[in-house]
C-alpha atoms as a PDB file:
ATOM      1  CA  MET A   1     -81.088 111.138  20.028  1.00  0.00           C
ATOM      2  CA  LYS A   2     -80.945 108.706  22.931  1.00  0.00           C
ATOM      3  CA  GLU A   3     -78.394 109.181  25.726  1.00  0.00           C
ATOM      4  CA  TYR A   4     -76.713 106.411  27.710  1.00  0.00           C
ATOM      5  CA  TYR A   5     -75.098 106.723  31.125  1.00  0.00           C
ATOM      6  CA  PHE A   6     -72.187 104.308  31.573  1.00  0.00           C
ATOM      7  CA  ILE A   7     -70.952 103.371  35.049  1.00  0.00           C
ATOM      8  CA  THR A   8     -67.250 102.621  35.491  1.00  0.00           C
ATOM      9  CA  VAL A   9     -65.500 101.975  38.795  1.00  0.00           C
ATOM     10  CA  PHE A  10     -61.744 102.095  39.297  1.00  0.00           C
ATOM     11  CA  GLN A  11     -59.084 101.721  41.960  1.00  0.00           C
ATOM     12  CA  LYS A  12     -57.103 104.944  41.666  1.00  0.00           C
ATOM     13  CA  PHE A  13     -56.081 107.879  39.499  1.00  0.00           C
ATOM     14  CA  ASP A  14     -52.929 107.824  37.388  1.00  0.00           C
ATOM     15  CA  ASP A  15     -51.225 110.857  35.812  1.00  0.00           C
ATOM     16  CA  ARG A  16     -50.180 108.881  32.722  1.00  0.00           C
ATOM     17  CA  CYS A  17     -53.205 106.631  32.119  1.00  0.00           C
ATOM     18  CA  GLY A  18     -56.003 108.580  33.803  1.00  0.00           C
ATOM     19  CA  ILE A  19     -57.264 105.691  35.917  1.00  0.00           C
ATOM     20  CA  LYS A  20     -56.003 102.272  37.038  1.00  0.00           C
ATOM     21  CA  GLY A  21     -57.817  99.039  37.758  1.00  0.00           C
ATOM     22  CA  ALA A  22     -61.124  99.785  36.041  1.00  0.00           C
ATOM     23  CA  ARG A  23     -64.330  97.861  35.449  1.00  0.00           C
ATOM     24  CA  CYS A  24     -67.378  99.041  33.510  1.00  0.00           C
ATOM     25  CA  TRP A  25     -70.475  97.693  35.233  1.00  0.00           C
ATOM     26  CA  GLY A  26     -73.013  98.682  32.606  1.00  0.00           C
ATOM     27  CA  PHE A  27     -75.255 101.529  31.576  1.00  0.00           C
ATOM     28  CA  TYR A  28     -78.704 103.075  31.958  1.00  0.00           C
ATOM     29  CA  THR A  29     -80.840 105.257  29.730  1.00  0.00           C
ATOM     30  CA  ASP A  30     -81.994 107.231  32.776  1.00  0.00           C
ATOM     31  CA  LYS A  31     -79.403 109.505  34.396  1.00  0.00           C
ATOM     32  CA  ASP A  32     -81.175 109.569  37.758  1.00  0.00           C
ATOM     33  CA  LYS A  33     -81.223 105.770  37.869  1.00  0.00           C
ATOM     34  CA  ALA A  34     -77.492 105.609  37.082  1.00  0.00           C
ATOM     35  CA  LYS A  35     -76.793 108.141  39.840  1.00  0.00           C
ATOM     36  CA  TYR A  36     -78.944 106.194  42.304  1.00  0.00           C
ATOM     37  CA  VAL A  37     -77.093 102.948  41.544  1.00  0.00           C
ATOM     38  CA  VAL A  38     -73.667 104.523  42.018  1.00  0.00           C
ATOM     39  CA  GLU A  39     -74.492 106.690  45.015  1.00  0.00           C
ATOM     40  CA  ASN A  40     -76.060 103.761  46.863  1.00  0.00           C
ATOM     41  CA  ASN A  41     -73.428 101.196  45.851  1.00  0.00           C
ATOM     42  CA  ILE A  42     -76.072  98.895  44.381  1.00  0.00           C
ATOM     43  CA  THR A  43     -74.768  95.341  43.723  1.00  0.00           C
ATOM     44  CA  ASP A  44     -71.620  96.263  45.681  1.00  0.00           C
ATOM     45  CA  LEU A  45     -69.888  98.260  42.964  1.00  0.00           C
ATOM     46  CA  TRP A  46     -67.076  98.875  45.463  1.00  0.00           C
ATOM     47  CA  GLU A  47     -66.080  95.193  45.885  1.00  0.00           C
ATOM     48  CA  THR A  48     -63.528  96.362  48.516  1.00  0.00           C
ATOM     49  CA  ILE A  49     -61.172  97.740  45.827  1.00  0.00           C
ATOM     50  CA  TYR A  50     -62.940 100.283  43.606  1.00  0.00           C
ATOM     51  CA  ASP A  51     -62.580 103.531  45.540  1.00  0.00           C
ATOM     52  CA  TYR A  52     -63.795 105.706  42.665  1.00  0.00           C
ATOM     53  CA  ALA A  53     -66.598 105.711  40.135  1.00  0.00           C
ATOM     54  CA  VAL A  54     -67.594 107.763  37.118  1.00  0.00           C
ATOM     55  CA  ILE A  55     -70.811 108.095  35.168  1.00  0.00           C
ATOM     56  CA  GLU A  56     -70.166 109.105  31.557  1.00  0.00           C
ATOM     57  CA  THR A  57     -72.809 110.256  29.128  1.00  0.00           C
ATOM     58  CA  TYR A  58     -72.768 108.921  25.569  1.00  0.00           C
ATOM     59  CA  ASP A  59     -75.075 109.749  22.702  1.00  0.00           C
ATOM     60  CA  GLU A  60     -76.365 106.925  20.566  1.00  0.00           C
ATOM     61  CA  GLY A  61     -74.064 106.009  17.675  1.00  0.00           C
ATOM     62  CA  ILE A  62     -70.369 105.789  16.888  1.00  0.00           C
ATOM     63  CA  SER A  63     -68.033 108.039  18.906  1.00  0.00           C
ATOM     64  CA  GLY A  64     -70.969 109.453  20.814  1.00  0.00           C
ATOM     65  CA  TYR A  65     -69.044 110.758  23.794  1.00  0.00           C
ATOM     66  CA  ALA A  66     -71.128 113.647  25.148  1.00  0.00           C
ATOM     67  CA  ASP A  67     -68.492 115.318  27.374  1.00  0.00           C
ATOM     68  CA  GLU A  68     -70.560 114.973  30.536  1.00  0.00           C
ATOM     69  CA  ARG A  69     -69.345 112.954  33.497  1.00  0.00           C
ATOM     70  CA  ILE A  70     -69.795 112.739  37.236  1.00  0.00           C
ATOM     71  CA  PHE A  71     -67.040 111.458  39.535  1.00  0.00           C
ATOM     72  CA  TYR A  72     -67.479 109.776  42.916  1.00  0.00           C
ATOM     73  CA  LYS A  73     -65.343 108.559  45.825  1.00  0.00           C
ATOM     74  CA  TYR A  74     -66.394 105.639  47.979  1.00  0.00           C
ATOM     75  CA  ASP A  75     -67.067 106.259  51.681  1.00  0.00           C
ATOM     76  CA  GLU A  76     -66.680 103.096  53.782  1.00  0.00           C
ATOM     77  CA  GLU A  77     -68.544 104.496  56.764  1.00  0.00           C
ATOM     78  CA  SER A  78     -71.772 105.073  54.836  1.00  0.00           C
ATOM     79  CA  ASN A  79     -71.169 102.339  52.207  1.00  0.00           C
ATOM     80  CA  LYS A  80     -71.997 104.923  49.536  1.00  0.00           C
ATOM     81  CA  TYR A  81     -70.241 106.802  46.768  1.00  0.00           C
ATOM     82  CA  ILE A  82     -70.059 110.559  47.326  1.00  0.00           C
ATOM     83  CA  GLU A  83     -69.882 112.958  44.370  1.00  0.00           C
ATOM     84  CA  ILE A  84     -66.535 114.765  43.983  1.00  0.00           C
ATOM     85  CA  THR A  85     -65.204 117.428  41.640  1.00  0.00           C
ATOM     86  CA  GLU A  86     -63.423 116.198  38.544  1.00  0.00           C
ATOM     87  CA  PRO A  87     -59.852 115.277  39.541  1.00  0.00           C
ATOM     88  CA  LYS A  88     -56.977 116.978  37.731  1.00  0.00           C
ATOM     89  CA  GLU A  89     -55.481 113.605  36.715  1.00  0.00           C
ATOM     90  CA  VAL A  90     -58.365 112.906  34.322  1.00  0.00           C
ATOM     91  CA  LYS A  91     -59.180 116.315  32.846  1.00  0.00           C
ATOM     92  CA  HIS A  92     -57.515 115.401  29.535  1.00  0.00           C
ATOM     93  CA  PHE A  93     -58.968 111.848  29.289  1.00  0.00           C
ATOM     94  CA  ILE A  94     -62.282 110.745  27.806  1.00  0.00           C
ATOM     95  CA  GLY A  95     -64.002 107.432  27.251  1.00  0.00           C
ATOM     96  CA  PHE A  96     -63.324 105.460  30.426  1.00  0.00           C
ATOM     97  CA  SER A  97     -66.141 103.030  29.791  1.00  0.00           C
ATOM     98  CA  ILE A  98     -66.073 102.226  26.068  1.00  0.00           C
ATOM     99  CA  GLY A  99     -62.961 104.009  24.865  1.00  0.00           C
END
């Protein structure tokens, strides 16, 4: 089964909704490529407002959420996203990119 790695950026965390101000940029079939794009802020994922990012893994098919995700926080000094531990505000949420 093929896996897809969706990239979603967002402005902040929210206790009620999980995240606020989100945009899904797209996906890759290669996890390392998705990580490279996020970590290096390729195509300016940040856009001066998206302080956080997440890569979510989906399996091919309907409701293919694979329960694997990597969270990042943007660092202005380096112009890169730095991996962070999963924030408590989103532990009970899934499907940021495609629902």
